[in-house]
Amino acid sequence: MVQVTLYTRVGCHLCDDAKDVLEEVRRTHPFALSVVDIDTDPALVALYTTEVPVITVDGRKAFKYRLTADALREKLRRAEEGSYTP
């Protein structure tokens, strides 16, 4: 199963929007989802402080700030086929 990670922080409206899209797609296209609050790890704050939300697909950065359901479905399809590159 494809692993998707959402790097987020409290109070981030773009993060809330991204999570809504992830949940929408997940209803019809299952994938494992992890949600990580970057403020719990100083290394993640240093890495992503101005970029959240960041979404990775199988450990590769796929989106930052915004994503669409169609773009996510395409990246998931490619990850499942083994042909995903960012």
C-alpha atoms as a PDB file:
ATOM      1  CA  MET A   1       0.000   0.000   0.000  1.00  0.00           C
ATOM      2  CA  VAL A   2       1.210   3.483  -0.845  1.00  0.00           C
ATOM      3  CA  GLN A   3       2.273   5.586   2.143  1.00  0.00           C
ATOM      4  CA  VAL A   4       1.241   9.252   2.157  1.00  0.00           C
ATOM      5  CA  THR A   5       2.473  11.653   4.824  1.00  0.00           C
ATOM      6  CA  LEU A   6       1.009  15.074   5.516  1.00  0.00           C
ATOM      7  CA  TYR A   7       3.377  17.449   7.303  1.00  0.00           C
ATOM      8  CA  THR A   8       1.239  20.053   9.014  1.00  0.00           C
ATOM      9  CA  ARG A   9       0.945  22.404  11.960  1.00  0.00           C
ATOM     10  CA  VAL A  10      -1.874  23.664  14.147  1.00  0.00           C
ATOM     11  CA  GLY A  11      -3.711  26.688  12.784  1.00  0.00           C
ATOM     12  CA  CYS A  12      -2.674  26.140   9.162  1.00  0.00           C
ATOM     13  CA  HIS A  13      -5.741  26.570   6.941  1.00  0.00           C
ATOM     14  CA  LEU A  14      -3.909  25.229   3.867  1.00  0.00           C
ATOM     15  CA  CYS A  15      -3.085  22.129   5.926  1.00  0.00           C
ATOM     16  CA  ASP A  16      -6.768  21.686   6.730  1.00  0.00           C
ATOM     17  CA  ASP A  17      -7.616  22.017   3.027  1.00  0.00           C
ATOM     18  CA  ALA A  18      -4.945  19.457   2.101  1.00  0.00           C
ATOM     19  CA  LYS A  19      -6.217  16.999   4.694  1.00  0.00           C
ATOM     20  CA  ASP A  20      -9.746  17.348   3.281  1.00  0.00           C
ATOM     21  CA  VAL A  21      -8.461  16.466  -0.205  1.00  0.00           C
ATOM     22  CA  LEU A  22      -6.469  13.516   1.169  1.00  0.00           C
ATOM     23  CA  GLU A  23      -9.509  12.156   2.987  1.00  0.00           C
ATOM     24  CA  GLU A  24     -11.723  12.657  -0.079  1.00  0.00           C
ATOM     25  CA  VAL A  25      -9.368  10.670  -2.313  1.00  0.00           C
ATOM     26  CA  ARG A  26      -8.743   8.044   0.360  1.00  0.00           C
ATOM     27  CA  ARG A  27     -12.448   7.105   0.405  1.00  0.00           C
ATOM     28  CA  THR A  28     -12.206   5.733  -3.141  1.00  0.00           C
ATOM     29  CA  HIS A  29      -8.467   5.133  -3.531  1.00  0.00           C
ATOM     30  CA  PRO A  30      -7.093   3.613  -0.295  1.00  0.00           C
ATOM     31  CA  PHE A  31      -3.619   4.523   0.935  1.00  0.00           C
ATOM     32  CA  ALA A  32      -1.858   4.621   4.292  1.00  0.00           C
ATOM     33  CA  LEU A  33      -1.925   8.134   5.752  1.00  0.00           C
ATOM     34  CA  SER A  34       0.302   9.601   8.444  1.00  0.00           C
ATOM     35  CA  VAL A  35      -0.225  13.120   9.737  1.00  0.00           C
ATOM     36  CA  VAL A  36       2.832  14.728  11.325  1.00  0.00           C
ATOM     37  CA  ASP A  37       2.749  18.006  13.266  1.00  0.00           C
ATOM     38  CA  ILE A  38       6.094  19.584  12.390  1.00  0.00           C
ATOM     39  CA  ASP A  39       6.091  21.613  15.606  1.00  0.00           C
ATOM     40  CA  THR A  40       6.795  18.428  17.578  1.00  0.00           C
ATOM     41  CA  ASP A  41      10.256  18.056  16.006  1.00  0.00           C
ATOM     42  CA  PRO A  42      12.814  20.896  15.687  1.00  0.00           C
ATOM     43  CA  ALA A  43      14.373  19.245  12.623  1.00  0.00           C
ATOM     44  CA  LEU A  44      11.013  19.234  10.838  1.00  0.00           C
ATOM     45  CA  VAL A  45      10.404  22.869  11.828  1.00  0.00           C
ATOM     46  CA  ALA A  46      13.761  23.792  10.299  1.00  0.00           C
ATOM     47  CA  LEU A  47      12.968  21.803   7.154  1.00  0.00           C
ATOM     48  CA  TYR A  48       9.333  22.738   6.543  1.00  0.00           C
ATOM     49  CA  THR A  49       8.536  25.876   8.560  1.00  0.00           C
ATOM     50  CA  THR A  50       7.596  28.019   5.538  1.00  0.00           C
ATOM     51  CA  GLU A  51       6.349  25.212   3.287  1.00  0.00           C
ATOM     52  CA  VAL A  52       3.483  23.499   5.123  1.00  0.00           C
ATOM     53  CA  PRO A  53       1.527  21.661   4.165  1.00  0.00           C
ATOM     54  CA  VAL A  54       3.961  19.248   2.566  1.00  0.00           C
ATOM     55  CA  ILE A  55       2.680  15.919   1.293  1.00  0.00           C
ATOM     56  CA  THR A  56       4.984  13.024   0.512  1.00  0.00           C
ATOM     57  CA  VAL A  57       4.111   9.902  -1.443  1.00  0.00           C
ATOM     58  CA  ASP A  58       6.222   6.893  -0.493  1.00  0.00           C
ATOM     59  CA  GLY A  59       8.733   9.224   1.135  1.00  0.00           C
ATOM     60  CA  ARG A  60       9.108  11.557  -1.834  1.00  0.00           C
ATOM     61  CA  LYS A  61       7.937  15.156  -1.695  1.00  0.00           C
ATOM     62  CA  ALA A  62       4.906  15.325  -3.965  1.00  0.00           C
ATOM     63  CA  PHE A  63       3.097  18.555  -3.032  1.00  0.00           C
ATOM     64  CA  LYS A  64       3.496  21.674  -0.953  1.00  0.00           C
ATOM     65  CA  TYR A  65       0.893  24.304  -0.116  1.00  0.00           C
ATOM     66  CA  ARG A  66      -1.907  22.899  -2.310  1.00  0.00           C
ATOM     67  CA  LEU A  67      -2.962  19.746  -4.087  1.00  0.00           C
ATOM     68  CA  THR A  68      -5.884  18.618  -6.175  1.00  0.00           C
ATOM     69  CA  ALA A  69      -7.681  15.309  -5.955  1.00  0.00           C
ATOM     70  CA  ASP A  70      -6.842  14.536  -9.598  1.00  0.00           C
ATOM     71  CA  ALA A  71      -3.127  15.248  -9.140  1.00  0.00           C
ATOM     72  CA  LEU A  72      -3.037  13.089  -6.016  1.00  0.00           C
ATOM     73  CA  ARG A  73      -4.813  10.214  -7.778  1.00  0.00           C
ATOM     74  CA  GLU A  74      -2.260  10.377 -10.591  1.00  0.00           C
ATOM     75  CA  LYS A  75       0.707  10.287  -8.194  1.00  0.00           C
ATOM     76  CA  LEU A  76      -0.869   7.391  -6.281  1.00  0.00           C
ATOM     77  CA  ARG A  77      -1.436   5.488  -9.525  1.00  0.00           C
ATOM     78  CA  ARG A  78       2.174   6.002 -10.556  1.00  0.00           C
ATOM     79  CA  ALA A  79       3.431   4.976  -7.100  1.00  0.00           C
ATOM     80  CA  GLU A  80       1.401   1.768  -7.271  1.00  0.00           C
ATOM     81  CA  GLU A  81       2.912   1.012 -10.694  1.00  0.00           C
ATOM     82  CA  GLY A  82       6.404   1.723  -9.399  1.00  0.00           C
ATOM     83  CA  SER A  83       6.892   4.564 -11.868  1.00  0.00           C
ATOM     84  CA  TYR A  84       6.546   7.491  -9.448  1.00  0.00           C
ATOM     85  CA  THR A  85       9.150  10.209  -9.529  1.00  0.00           C
ATOM     86  CA  PRO A  86       8.508  13.656  -8.057  1.00  0.00           C
END
